[in-house]
Amino acid sequence: MQRAVQRPQRGLRAHGHGGDIDDVRWPLFCTCSWSEKTVAVEVELKLATSKAGLRKALALPWLRKMAGDSIKQQHLVSTYFDTRDLALRDRGVSLRIRRIGGQRLQTIKASSAVPMARSEWETEVNRDRPELELISHTDIAPIFTGAIARRLKPMFETRIERTAMSLKIGRSDIELALDEGRVAALDNSVDLAEIEIELKQGEHRDVAVLARKLAREIPLTFAARAKADWGYAVVEDSVSAATSGGAVTLAPSATTADAFVIIGFHCLRQVAANELAVRHGDGEGIHRMRVGLRRLRAALSLFKDLLYGKETGGIKSELKWLTAQLGPGRDADVFVSKTAVHYLDRGPNRSEFEVLAHDLERARNAGFAKARAAVESDRYRRLLLDCALWLIDGDWRNDTDDLRRALRERPARMLAEEELGRRTRKIVKRARKLLSLNAMKRHELRIAVKKLRYGRQFFASLNTDSGRRKMRRKVDRTLKALLAALGNLNDIRAHASWAHDFARANAVSRKAFAAGYLTGREEARASDVLAEAIDAGKRLKALV
């Protein structure tokens, strides 16, 4: 394992005093490479809070004692550059020039497969425009082609009031930054209040230890977005938009434990990144957050041999709770937007459907309100933070048993081949009996197919055999088709159950439901009967 290398800060680094936080064992999982002395791996944990939370943190006696005279106030103004079509963002790269007093620092960050880590190139420059010649011999240089370099322009700016301090925790040197400020583009902006815990030298476990201690004092949660991510969202006016998960990247040499942590953080970011969309009553945001939760729960299933202990059970329970809070809103939204809307537009009895639509809309609004209340709760904020800290410092990682350690250190590629193969064979066997499966068994098959699809997505970057790429695409398309069919069957069952619940009020409602069911079956048959008539007409024409 390789420890994170200290990044030169040209005077921004101060020396702090040792603390009294208990030491907790945590094995490093950060591996990286670099080609210049000004590049290193930046390992940091971002936590979201409020302005009041920042003020309370600054007043904590134990924190001020640990920081000693290292506390510094900084006014940071950073300009981020990209092309008009956001070519750098789409390649996982950010480029900024930060002004600190009279000093200018050019910083380029590239996404890494390592959780909380990014490769970083930082150099002092003399102007407010990028000086790309300074990185001409680095690993990042090929991204900055002549075409991209010529099209670079300022895209957004961050203005941050930072209180920075250096801490000695366990065996680690850590920089703690409390940031309050704003991210702004030409005609849009968003306010920020966050805490960054950056590991300068030492072990990741100490980052988790500090985060836990702070969380006992002030309201904190896991922050899914970096400042650059906020900036791009401001530029695209998508701060509250629904967000998909994107692709997972695993190194070919990744261990099973490393792969689980990377996948876990990837899913957790999708959950957290859709919080604002859920707060704004966006049905797609509820769907995307729910997908993130299902992907995370699927990861727990795929890596179940690694995960044990009381903490794991608690995380599973809380993920299940949040999924349940999002369910009613998502189900009602699907019913209204994908099923009822067709009949409302062209149904033969429009007035009756308008009455139903009113009730459906109330049900959807109630579901959205339930989802919004969940993500605004302390329980939700604790869940995100607990899950993040469990991924990097959970009891499942700290067992010294030889068998447990061997499972953690096993190559992820071996787990992928065995687990995905086993699940595929099981699904094929069950799918052969699809006609004889009842609704519950079909639902269970649907969940199994979902987990397999998520697993194939998680491990896709490990499939480097180009000769088998065509076959993998065929399998993926087939699984997608199977899942879509099973999903439609499940929606039909769920909607029928929901309609039955609507009709329970009195005898008149029950009779109306029965009549509607009968006429609905007749309507479903109508297209088949029409096709039969058309076919008969064609046959008749051929005979005369």
Protein backbone atom coordinates (compact mmCIF):
# COMPACT_ATOMS: atom_id res chain seq x y z
CA MET A 1 0.00 0.00 0.00
CA GLN A 2 1.12 3.51 -0.66
CA ARG A 3 0.43 6.47 1.53
CA ALA A 4 -0.74 9.79 0.23
CA VAL A 5 2.16 12.13 -0.42
CA GLN A 6 2.15 15.57 1.13
CA ARG A 7 1.26 18.21 -1.46
CA PRO A 8 3.35 21.41 -1.27
CA GLN A 9 1.12 24.34 -0.24
CA ARG A 10 3.60 27.23 -0.30
CA GLY A 11 2.87 28.60 3.12
CA LEU A 12 -0.67 27.31 3.48
CA ARG A 13 0.46 24.46 5.70
CA ALA A 14 0.72 25.22 9.44
CA HIS A 15 1.83 23.06 12.31
CA GLY A 16 -0.73 21.99 14.91
CA HIS A 17 -0.76 20.22 18.25
CA GLY A 18 -1.49 16.58 19.00
CA GLY A 19 -4.98 15.55 20.03
CA ASP A 20 -6.57 13.08 22.39
CA ILE A 21 -8.88 11.25 19.97
CA ASP A 22 -8.73 7.48 20.37
CA ASP A 23 -6.81 5.64 17.67
CA VAL A 24 -8.78 3.21 15.50
CA ARG A 25 -7.15 0.62 13.23
CA TRP A 26 -7.88 1.08 9.51
CA PRO A 27 -5.85 -0.35 6.59
CA LEU A 28 -4.95 2.00 3.78
CA PHE A 29 -6.43 1.35 0.36
CA CYS A 30 -5.10 4.37 -1.55
CA THR A 31 -2.84 3.59 -4.49
CA CYS A 32 -1.80 6.11 -7.12
CA SER A 33 0.93 7.33 -9.42
CA TRP A 34 2.29 10.70 -10.43
CA SER A 35 5.02 12.12 -12.62
CA GLU A 36 5.90 15.54 -11.17
CA LYS A 37 6.93 16.68 -7.73
CA THR A 38 3.98 19.09 -7.68
CA VAL A 39 1.44 16.30 -8.09
CA ALA A 40 0.16 14.03 -5.35
CA VAL A 41 -2.97 12.27 -4.30
CA GLU A 42 -5.41 14.47 -2.48
CA VAL A 43 -7.41 12.44 0.04
CA GLU A 44 -10.28 14.32 1.56
CA LEU A 45 -13.74 13.82 2.98
CA LYS A 46 -16.30 16.52 2.25
CA LEU A 47 -19.10 17.11 4.75
CA ALA A 48 -22.12 19.34 4.31
CA THR A 49 -23.38 21.52 7.16
CA SER A 50 -24.98 24.94 7.66
CA LYS A 51 -23.63 28.40 8.45
CA ALA A 52 -24.72 27.87 12.04
CA GLY A 53 -22.90 24.54 12.03
CA LEU A 54 -19.70 26.23 10.89
CA ARG A 55 -19.95 28.82 13.67
CA LYS A 56 -20.52 26.10 16.25
CA ALA A 57 -17.54 24.11 14.98
CA LEU A 58 -15.28 27.14 15.25
CA ALA A 59 -16.30 27.56 18.88
CA LEU A 60 -15.54 23.94 19.92
CA PRO A 61 -12.95 24.14 22.76
CA TRP A 62 -11.33 20.77 22.00
CA LEU A 63 -10.91 21.68 18.32
CA ARG A 64 -9.33 25.06 19.05
CA LYS A 65 -7.02 23.40 21.57
CA MET A 66 -5.89 20.80 19.02
CA ALA A 67 -5.34 23.46 16.35
CA GLY A 68 -3.38 25.78 18.61
CA ASP A 69 -1.90 28.69 16.69
CA SER A 70 -2.32 26.98 13.29
CA ILE A 71 -5.77 28.55 12.70
CA LYS A 72 -5.72 30.81 9.65
CA GLN A 73 -8.38 32.84 7.88
CA GLN A 74 -8.20 32.81 4.08
CA HIS A 75 -10.15 34.54 1.34
CA LEU A 76 -10.10 32.21 -1.67
CA VAL A 77 -11.22 33.27 -5.13
CA SER A 78 -11.05 30.51 -7.73
CA THR A 79 -11.86 30.72 -11.44
CA TYR A 80 -12.62 27.43 -13.22
CA PHE A 81 -11.89 27.02 -16.92
CA ASP A 82 -13.40 24.74 -19.53
CA THR A 83 -14.59 24.77 -23.12
CA ARG A 84 -18.10 25.85 -24.08
CA ASP A 85 -19.10 22.20 -24.56
CA LEU A 86 -17.51 21.25 -21.19
CA ALA A 87 -14.86 18.97 -22.66
CA LEU A 88 -12.78 18.87 -19.46
CA ARG A 89 -15.76 18.08 -17.25
CA ASP A 90 -16.76 15.21 -19.54
CA ARG A 91 -13.25 13.78 -19.18
CA GLY A 92 -13.32 13.92 -15.38
CA VAL A 93 -10.91 16.87 -15.16
CA SER A 94 -11.18 20.27 -13.49
CA LEU A 95 -8.86 23.25 -14.05
CA ARG A 96 -8.82 26.30 -11.80
CA ILE A 97 -6.68 29.27 -10.92
CA ARG A 98 -7.00 30.27 -7.26
CA ARG A 99 -6.02 33.67 -5.94
CA ILE A 100 -4.85 33.88 -2.33
CA GLY A 101 -3.69 37.40 -1.66
CA GLY A 102 -1.06 38.14 -4.28
CA GLN A 103 -0.40 34.47 -5.04
CA ARG A 104 -1.95 32.49 -7.91
CA LEU A 105 -2.09 28.70 -7.95
CA GLN A 106 -3.04 26.67 -10.99
CA THR A 107 -4.62 23.38 -9.98
CA ILE A 108 -5.71 20.50 -12.21
CA LYS A 109 -7.60 17.59 -10.69
CA ALA A 110 -8.42 14.28 -12.35
CA SER A 111 -10.98 11.82 -11.06
CA SER A 112 -9.64 8.70 -9.43
CA ALA A 113 -11.12 5.28 -8.78
CA VAL A 114 -10.02 5.67 -5.19
CA PRO A 115 -12.78 6.92 -2.84
CA MET A 116 -12.18 10.44 -1.55
CA ALA A 117 -9.06 10.71 -3.71
CA ARG A 118 -8.13 12.64 -6.82
CA SER A 119 -4.85 13.05 -8.68
CA GLU A 120 -3.79 16.67 -8.45
CA TRP A 121 -1.27 18.87 -10.26
CA GLU A 122 -0.63 22.23 -8.62
CA THR A 123 1.77 24.96 -9.73
CA GLU A 124 2.24 28.64 -8.94
CA VAL A 125 1.55 30.86 -11.97
CA ASN A 126 1.94 34.54 -12.78
CA ARG A 127 -1.33 35.36 -14.53
CA ASP A 128 -5.07 34.71 -14.43
CA ARG A 129 -5.01 32.44 -17.48
CA PRO A 130 -3.99 28.74 -17.55
CA GLU A 131 -0.33 28.01 -18.25
CA LEU A 132 -0.61 24.54 -19.74
CA GLU A 133 3.05 24.34 -20.69
CA LEU A 134 3.73 23.67 -17.01
CA ILE A 135 2.05 20.26 -17.27
CA SER A 136 3.42 19.28 -20.70
CA HIS A 137 5.39 16.33 -19.26
CA THR A 138 2.73 14.99 -16.92
CA ASP A 139 0.25 12.12 -17.28
CA ILE A 140 -2.59 14.62 -17.66
CA ALA A 141 -1.04 16.44 -20.65
CA PRO A 142 -2.66 14.32 -23.44
CA ILE A 143 -6.10 15.56 -22.40
CA PHE A 144 -5.17 19.17 -23.14
CA THR A 145 -5.00 18.95 -26.91
CA GLY A 146 -4.43 22.07 -28.96
CA ALA A 147 -8.11 22.24 -29.85
CA ILE A 148 -9.16 22.15 -26.19
CA ALA A 149 -6.45 24.57 -25.06
CA ARG A 150 -7.51 27.18 -27.62
CA ARG A 151 -11.16 26.98 -26.54
CA LEU A 152 -10.64 27.30 -22.77
CA LYS A 153 -12.62 30.11 -21.13
CA PRO A 154 -13.68 31.07 -17.58
CA MET A 155 -16.88 29.18 -16.74
CA PHE A 156 -17.62 29.95 -13.08
CA GLU A 157 -16.07 31.33 -9.93
CA THR A 158 -16.02 30.37 -6.26
CA ARG A 159 -15.55 32.90 -3.45
CA ILE A 160 -14.86 31.18 -0.15
CA GLU A 161 -14.09 32.41 3.35
CA ARG A 162 -12.01 29.58 4.75
CA THR A 163 -10.89 28.86 8.28
CA ALA A 164 -8.05 26.34 7.98
CA MET A 165 -6.21 24.54 10.73
CA SER A 166 -3.65 21.76 11.01
CA LEU A 167 -4.32 18.85 13.36
CA LYS A 168 -2.32 15.89 14.59
CA ILE A 169 -4.67 12.91 15.05
CA GLY A 170 -3.33 9.45 15.78
CA ARG A 171 -0.47 8.98 13.36
CA SER A 172 -1.79 11.43 10.82
CA ASP A 173 -1.36 15.06 9.82
CA ILE A 174 -4.75 16.42 8.79
CA GLU A 175 -5.87 19.79 7.48
CA LEU A 176 -9.36 20.81 8.49
CA ALA A 177 -11.07 23.52 6.43
CA LEU A 178 -14.37 25.21 7.28
CA ASP A 179 -15.68 26.88 4.12
CA GLU A 180 -18.48 29.38 3.71
CA GLY A 181 -19.12 31.11 0.42
CA ARG A 182 -20.71 31.06 -3.00
CA VAL A 183 -20.33 29.41 -6.39
CA ALA A 184 -21.43 31.70 -9.21
CA ALA A 185 -21.70 31.76 -12.99
CA LEU A 186 -22.88 34.75 -15.04
CA ASP A 187 -26.55 34.64 -14.02
CA ASN A 188 -26.83 31.92 -11.38
CA SER A 189 -25.28 31.05 -8.02
CA VAL A 190 -25.51 28.74 -5.01
CA ASP A 191 -24.36 29.22 -1.39
CA LEU A 192 -22.09 26.67 0.30
CA ALA A 193 -21.33 25.71 3.90
CA GLU A 194 -19.08 22.69 4.16
CA ILE A 195 -16.20 21.10 6.00
CA GLU A 196 -13.26 19.40 4.32
CA ILE A 197 -11.05 16.93 6.15
CA GLU A 198 -7.90 16.46 4.10
CA LEU A 199 -5.29 13.82 4.86
CA LYS A 200 -1.84 15.30 4.39
CA GLN A 201 0.09 12.35 5.71
CA GLY A 202 -0.96 9.23 7.57
CA GLU A 203 -3.90 6.87 7.53
CA HIS A 204 -7.48 7.18 6.34
CA ARG A 205 -8.83 5.84 9.62
CA ASP A 206 -7.91 9.12 11.31
CA VAL A 207 -10.06 11.05 8.82
CA ALA A 208 -13.04 8.92 9.92
CA VAL A 209 -12.18 9.40 13.59
CA LEU A 210 -12.22 13.19 13.27
CA ALA A 211 -15.46 13.14 11.27
CA ARG A 212 -17.21 11.07 13.93
CA LYS A 213 -16.06 13.39 16.69
CA LEU A 214 -17.27 16.48 14.80
CA ALA A 215 -20.61 14.82 14.03
CA ARG A 216 -21.28 14.40 17.75
CA GLU A 217 -21.09 18.18 18.14
CA ILE A 218 -22.60 19.72 14.99
CA PRO A 219 -25.07 18.69 12.25
CA LEU A 220 -23.08 17.03 9.46
CA THR A 221 -23.74 14.75 6.53
CA PHE A 222 -21.84 13.30 3.60
CA ALA A 223 -21.41 15.79 0.74
CA ALA A 224 -21.71 14.29 -2.72
CA ARG A 225 -20.47 17.25 -4.75
CA ALA A 226 -17.12 18.98 -4.96
CA LYS A 227 -17.04 22.74 -5.58
CA ALA A 228 -16.37 22.08 -9.26
CA ASP A 229 -19.46 19.87 -9.42
CA TRP A 230 -21.54 22.66 -7.92
CA GLY A 231 -20.06 25.08 -10.43
CA TYR A 232 -20.99 22.97 -13.43
CA ALA A 233 -24.49 22.49 -12.01
CA VAL A 234 -24.80 26.28 -11.73
CA VAL A 235 -23.58 26.73 -15.31
CA GLU A 236 -26.12 24.22 -16.62
CA ASP A 237 -28.86 25.46 -14.28
CA SER A 238 -29.19 21.91 -12.97
CA VAL A 239 -28.54 22.38 -9.24
CA SER A 240 -31.86 20.72 -8.36
CA ALA A 241 -32.00 18.35 -11.34
CA ALA A 242 -32.15 14.58 -11.07
CA THR A 243 -28.76 12.89 -11.42
CA SER A 244 -27.86 9.43 -12.69
CA GLY A 245 -25.08 7.28 -11.31
CA GLY A 246 -22.70 7.13 -14.26
CA ALA A 247 -20.06 4.44 -14.74
CA VAL A 248 -17.89 2.78 -12.09
CA THR A 249 -14.16 2.51 -12.76
CA LEU A 250 -12.15 -0.23 -11.05
CA ALA A 251 -8.42 -0.75 -11.41
CA PRO A 252 -7.50 -4.20 -12.83
CA SER A 253 -5.54 -4.92 -9.65
CA ALA A 254 -8.37 -3.90 -7.29
CA THR A 255 -8.96 -6.14 -4.31
CA THR A 256 -12.44 -7.23 -3.33
CA ALA A 257 -12.47 -4.78 -0.40
CA ASP A 258 -11.26 -1.90 -2.55
CA ALA A 259 -13.89 -2.65 -5.18
CA PHE A 260 -16.67 -2.65 -2.60
CA VAL A 261 -15.58 0.70 -1.16
CA ILE A 262 -15.35 2.30 -4.62
CA ILE A 263 -18.73 0.92 -5.69
CA GLY A 264 -20.29 1.84 -2.35
CA PHE A 265 -19.18 5.47 -2.57
CA HIS A 266 -20.31 5.64 -6.19
CA CYS A 267 -23.83 4.56 -5.20
CA LEU A 268 -23.88 6.78 -2.11
CA ARG A 269 -23.02 9.81 -4.23
CA GLN A 270 -25.98 9.06 -6.51
CA VAL A 271 -28.27 8.97 -3.48
CA ALA A 272 -26.96 12.23 -2.00
CA ALA A 273 -26.74 14.06 -5.35
CA ASN A 274 -30.52 13.70 -5.84
CA GLU A 275 -31.47 15.21 -2.47
CA LEU A 276 -32.32 18.64 -3.86
CA ALA A 277 -34.41 17.12 -6.65
CA VAL A 278 -36.42 15.17 -4.06
CA ARG A 279 -36.83 18.29 -1.94
CA HIS A 280 -38.27 20.09 -4.98
CA GLY A 281 -40.83 17.37 -5.67
CA ASP A 282 -39.15 16.05 -8.80
CA GLY A 283 -40.49 12.58 -9.56
CA GLU A 284 -37.40 11.73 -11.58
CA GLY A 285 -35.20 12.76 -8.63
CA ILE A 286 -37.10 10.36 -6.37
CA HIS A 287 -36.60 7.65 -8.97
CA ARG A 288 -32.85 8.33 -9.29
CA MET A 289 -32.32 8.38 -5.53
CA ARG A 290 -34.25 5.13 -5.26
CA VAL A 291 -32.09 3.60 -7.98
CA GLY A 292 -28.98 4.68 -6.08
CA LEU A 293 -30.30 2.97 -2.96
CA ARG A 294 -31.13 -0.20 -4.86
CA ARG A 295 -27.68 -0.24 -6.43
CA LEU A 296 -26.09 0.17 -3.01
CA ARG A 297 -28.23 -2.61 -1.56
CA ALA A 298 -27.32 -4.78 -4.56
CA ALA A 299 -23.64 -4.13 -3.80
CA LEU A 300 -24.19 -5.30 -0.23
CA SER A 301 -25.68 -8.50 -1.63
CA LEU A 302 -22.84 -9.06 -4.11
CA PHE A 303 -20.17 -8.56 -1.43
CA LYS A 304 -22.08 -10.25 1.40
CA ASP A 305 -19.18 -12.60 2.27
CA LEU A 306 -17.15 -9.56 3.34
CA LEU A 307 -19.84 -7.80 5.32
CA TYR A 308 -20.60 -8.80 8.86
CA GLY A 309 -21.02 -7.26 12.28
CA LYS A 310 -23.58 -5.06 13.97
CA GLU A 311 -22.77 -2.00 11.86
CA THR A 312 -23.60 -3.83 8.63
CA GLY A 313 -27.02 -4.82 9.94
CA GLY A 314 -27.73 -1.25 10.97
CA ILE A 315 -26.72 0.14 7.57
CA LYS A 316 -28.95 -2.38 5.77
CA SER A 317 -31.89 -1.49 7.99
CA GLU A 318 -31.51 2.25 7.39
CA LEU A 319 -31.14 1.83 3.62
CA LYS A 320 -34.34 -0.21 3.62
CA TRP A 321 -36.09 2.53 5.62
CA LEU A 322 -35.15 5.26 3.16
CA THR A 323 -36.15 3.11 0.18
CA ALA A 324 -39.58 2.64 1.77
CA GLN A 325 -39.99 6.40 2.26
CA LEU A 326 -39.45 6.99 -1.45
CA GLY A 327 -41.67 4.13 -2.63
CA PRO A 328 -45.18 5.66 -2.43
CA GLY A 329 -44.17 8.81 -4.31
CA ARG A 330 -42.42 6.87 -7.07
CA ASP A 331 -45.25 4.31 -7.45
CA ALA A 332 -47.92 7.02 -7.62
CA ASP A 333 -45.87 9.02 -10.12
CA VAL A 334 -45.52 6.00 -12.41
CA PHE A 335 -49.26 5.31 -12.20
CA VAL A 336 -50.16 8.91 -13.02
CA SER A 337 -47.53 9.70 -15.66
CA LYS A 338 -47.22 6.37 -17.45
CA THR A 339 -50.60 4.65 -17.06
CA ALA A 340 -53.49 6.99 -16.26
CA VAL A 341 -52.29 9.83 -18.50
CA HIS A 342 -53.17 7.91 -21.69
CA TYR A 343 -56.80 7.48 -20.62
CA LEU A 344 -57.07 11.05 -19.37
CA ASP A 345 -56.02 12.28 -22.80
CA ARG A 346 -58.30 10.11 -24.93
CA GLY A 347 -60.53 8.03 -22.64
CA PRO A 348 -64.16 7.52 -23.69
CA ASN A 349 -65.45 8.62 -20.28
CA ARG A 350 -63.29 11.65 -19.62
CA SER A 351 -65.31 13.04 -16.70
CA GLU A 352 -64.93 9.81 -14.71
CA PHE A 353 -61.20 9.76 -15.36
CA GLU A 354 -60.88 13.38 -14.25
CA VAL A 355 -62.38 12.42 -10.89
CA LEU A 356 -59.90 9.56 -10.61
CA ALA A 357 -57.05 11.83 -11.68
CA HIS A 358 -57.83 14.22 -8.83
CA ASP A 359 -57.46 11.40 -6.29
CA LEU A 360 -54.33 10.08 -7.99
CA GLU A 361 -52.75 13.52 -7.91
CA ARG A 362 -53.46 13.79 -4.19
CA ALA A 363 -51.85 10.39 -3.64
CA ARG A 364 -48.80 11.44 -5.65
CA ASN A 365 -48.46 14.72 -3.74
CA ALA A 366 -48.69 12.84 -0.46
CA GLY A 367 -45.97 10.46 -1.64
CA PHE A 368 -43.74 13.33 -2.71
CA ALA A 369 -44.27 15.00 0.68
CA LYS A 370 -43.28 11.79 2.46
CA ALA A 371 -40.09 11.55 0.40
CA ARG A 372 -39.27 15.22 1.03
CA ALA A 373 -39.78 14.80 4.78
CA ALA A 374 -37.43 11.84 4.77
CA VAL A 375 -34.52 13.67 3.11
CA GLU A 376 -35.03 16.69 5.35
CA SER A 377 -34.78 14.57 8.50
CA ASP A 378 -31.85 14.10 10.85
CA ARG A 379 -32.19 10.37 10.30
CA TYR A 380 -31.40 10.79 6.59
CA ARG A 381 -28.37 12.98 7.28
CA ARG A 382 -27.05 10.46 9.82
CA LEU A 383 -27.59 7.63 7.35
CA LEU A 384 -25.43 9.26 4.67
CA LEU A 385 -22.62 10.04 7.10
CA ASP A 386 -22.78 6.67 8.86
CA CYS A 387 -22.69 4.87 5.53
CA ALA A 388 -19.69 6.87 4.30
CA LEU A 389 -17.72 6.26 7.49
CA TRP A 390 -18.74 2.59 7.52
CA LEU A 391 -17.35 2.21 4.01
CA ILE A 392 -13.93 3.59 4.97
CA ASP A 393 -13.67 2.51 8.61
CA GLY A 394 -16.40 -0.07 9.34
CA ASP A 395 -16.04 -3.13 11.53
CA TRP A 396 -16.09 -5.30 8.39
CA ARG A 397 -12.65 -3.88 7.45
CA ASN A 398 -10.98 -4.18 10.82
CA ASP A 399 -11.20 -7.90 11.60
CA THR A 400 -7.70 -9.43 11.92
CA ASP A 401 -8.93 -12.98 11.29
CA ASP A 402 -6.86 -14.60 8.51
CA LEU A 403 -9.91 -15.79 6.57
CA ARG A 404 -11.56 -12.37 6.71
CA ARG A 405 -8.36 -10.71 5.58
CA ALA A 406 -7.99 -13.19 2.70
CA LEU A 407 -11.53 -12.41 1.53
CA ARG A 408 -10.80 -8.68 1.59
CA GLU A 409 -7.52 -9.07 -0.31
CA ARG A 410 -8.90 -11.43 -2.94
CA PRO A 411 -8.79 -9.98 -6.49
CA ALA A 412 -12.10 -8.32 -7.38
CA ARG A 413 -11.96 -9.92 -10.83
CA MET A 414 -12.29 -13.41 -9.28
CA LEU A 415 -15.32 -12.38 -7.23
CA ALA A 416 -16.94 -10.84 -10.31
CA GLU A 417 -16.51 -13.97 -12.43
CA GLU A 418 -17.81 -16.35 -9.78
CA GLU A 419 -20.67 -14.28 -8.36
CA LEU A 420 -22.02 -12.98 -11.66
CA GLY A 421 -21.76 -16.42 -13.23
CA ARG A 422 -23.62 -18.04 -10.36
CA ARG A 423 -26.40 -15.46 -10.44
CA THR A 424 -26.75 -15.71 -14.22
CA ARG A 425 -27.19 -19.50 -14.09
CA LYS A 426 -29.77 -19.18 -11.35
CA ILE A 427 -31.80 -16.60 -13.30
CA VAL A 428 -31.74 -18.72 -16.48
CA LYS A 429 -33.07 -21.68 -14.51
CA ARG A 430 -35.90 -19.65 -12.97
CA ALA A 431 -36.79 -17.90 -16.23
CA ARG A 432 -37.51 -21.28 -17.85
CA LYS A 433 -40.39 -21.68 -15.41
CA LEU A 434 -41.76 -18.17 -15.91
CA LEU A 435 -45.22 -19.29 -17.03
CA SER A 436 -45.73 -21.24 -13.81
CA LEU A 437 -44.47 -18.50 -11.47
CA ASN A 438 -47.01 -16.55 -9.45
CA ALA A 439 -46.83 -12.75 -9.08
CA MET A 440 -44.61 -12.89 -5.99
CA LYS A 441 -42.14 -15.30 -7.59
CA ARG A 442 -42.00 -13.13 -10.72
CA HIS A 443 -41.26 -10.14 -8.49
CA GLU A 444 -38.43 -12.06 -6.81
CA LEU A 445 -37.03 -12.96 -10.23
CA ARG A 446 -37.21 -9.29 -11.22
CA ILE A 447 -35.16 -8.28 -8.17
CA ALA A 448 -32.59 -10.97 -8.96
CA VAL A 449 -32.26 -9.69 -12.55
CA LYS A 450 -31.82 -6.13 -11.25
CA LYS A 451 -29.01 -7.18 -8.94
CA LEU A 452 -27.30 -9.04 -11.76
CA ARG A 453 -27.54 -6.03 -14.10
CA TYR A 454 -26.15 -3.73 -11.42
CA GLY A 455 -23.34 -6.19 -10.75
CA ARG A 456 -22.42 -6.37 -14.42
CA GLN A 457 -22.32 -2.56 -14.51
CA PHE A 458 -20.18 -2.40 -11.36
CA PHE A 459 -17.55 -4.76 -12.77
CA ALA A 460 -17.73 -3.72 -16.44
CA SER A 461 -14.37 -1.91 -16.34
CA LEU A 462 -12.64 -5.19 -15.44
CA ASN A 463 -13.77 -6.77 -18.73
CA THR A 464 -10.82 -5.98 -20.98
CA ASP A 465 -11.28 -8.89 -23.41
CA SER A 466 -12.41 -7.15 -26.60
CA GLY A 467 -13.19 -10.49 -28.23
CA ARG A 468 -16.06 -11.11 -25.81
CA ARG A 469 -17.42 -7.55 -25.91
CA LYS A 470 -20.09 -8.39 -28.50
CA MET A 471 -21.39 -11.28 -26.41
CA ARG A 472 -21.47 -9.13 -23.27
CA ARG A 473 -23.57 -6.52 -25.09
CA LYS A 474 -26.02 -9.21 -26.20
CA VAL A 475 -26.35 -10.52 -22.65
CA ASP A 476 -26.87 -6.99 -21.34
CA ARG A 477 -29.58 -6.27 -23.92
CA THR A 478 -31.34 -9.54 -23.12
CA LEU A 479 -31.26 -8.86 -19.38
CA LYS A 480 -32.61 -5.36 -20.02
CA ALA A 481 -35.50 -6.77 -22.08
CA LEU A 482 -36.28 -9.39 -19.44
CA LEU A 483 -36.21 -6.78 -16.70
CA ALA A 484 -38.49 -4.45 -18.68
CA ALA A 485 -41.06 -7.23 -19.19
CA LEU A 486 -40.94 -8.26 -15.54
CA GLY A 487 -41.22 -4.61 -14.54
CA ASN A 488 -44.34 -4.14 -16.65
CA LEU A 489 -45.89 -7.24 -15.13
CA ASN A 490 -45.09 -5.94 -11.66
CA ASP A 491 -46.60 -2.52 -12.49
CA ILE A 492 -49.79 -4.18 -13.72
CA ARG A 493 -50.04 -6.17 -10.49
CA ALA A 494 -49.29 -3.13 -8.31
CA HIS A 495 -51.77 -0.90 -10.14
CA ALA A 496 -54.50 -3.53 -9.89
CA SER A 497 -53.89 -3.78 -6.15
CA TRP A 498 -53.97 0.01 -5.84
CA ALA A 499 -57.22 0.23 -7.81
CA HIS A 500 -58.74 -2.41 -5.57
CA ASP A 501 -57.80 -0.34 -2.52
CA PHE A 502 -59.53 2.68 -4.06
CA ALA A 503 -62.71 0.65 -4.48
CA ARG A 504 -63.01 -0.57 -0.89
CA ALA A 505 -64.97 2.45 0.35
CA ASN A 506 -68.51 1.13 -0.26
CA ALA A 507 -70.65 -1.25 -2.31
CA VAL A 508 -71.17 1.25 -5.13
CA SER A 509 -67.41 1.72 -5.47
CA ARG A 510 -66.83 -2.02 -5.51
CA LYS A 511 -69.44 -2.52 -8.24
CA ALA A 512 -67.90 0.33 -10.22
CA PHE A 513 -64.50 -1.30 -9.87
CA ALA A 514 -65.87 -4.65 -11.09
CA ALA A 515 -67.55 -2.99 -14.07
CA GLY A 516 -64.38 -1.09 -14.87
CA TYR A 517 -62.35 -4.26 -14.66
CA LEU A 518 -64.66 -6.04 -17.12
CA THR A 519 -64.73 -3.18 -19.61
CA GLY A 520 -60.96 -2.79 -19.23
CA ARG A 521 -60.46 -6.41 -20.21
CA GLU A 522 -62.69 -5.83 -23.21
CA GLU A 523 -60.65 -2.76 -24.20
CA ALA A 524 -57.45 -4.80 -23.90
CA ARG A 525 -58.92 -7.36 -26.28
CA ALA A 526 -60.07 -4.71 -28.76
CA SER A 527 -56.70 -4.31 -30.52
CA ASP A 528 -56.38 -8.09 -30.98
CA VAL A 529 -59.94 -8.34 -32.32
CA LEU A 530 -59.32 -5.44 -34.69
CA ALA A 531 -56.17 -7.16 -35.95
CA GLU A 532 -58.21 -10.32 -36.55
CA ALA A 533 -60.79 -8.34 -38.54
CA ILE A 534 -58.10 -6.68 -40.65
CA ASP A 535 -56.49 -10.06 -41.30
CA ALA A 536 -59.87 -11.55 -42.32
CA GLY A 537 -60.47 -8.63 -44.68
CA LYS A 538 -57.11 -9.23 -46.32
CA ARG A 539 -57.86 -12.93 -46.74
CA LEU A 540 -61.27 -12.10 -48.22
CA LYS A 541 -59.70 -9.69 -50.68
CA ALA A 542 -57.29 -12.38 -51.79
CA LEU A 543 -60.19 -14.76 -52.44
CA VAL A 544 -62.39 -12.49 -54.60
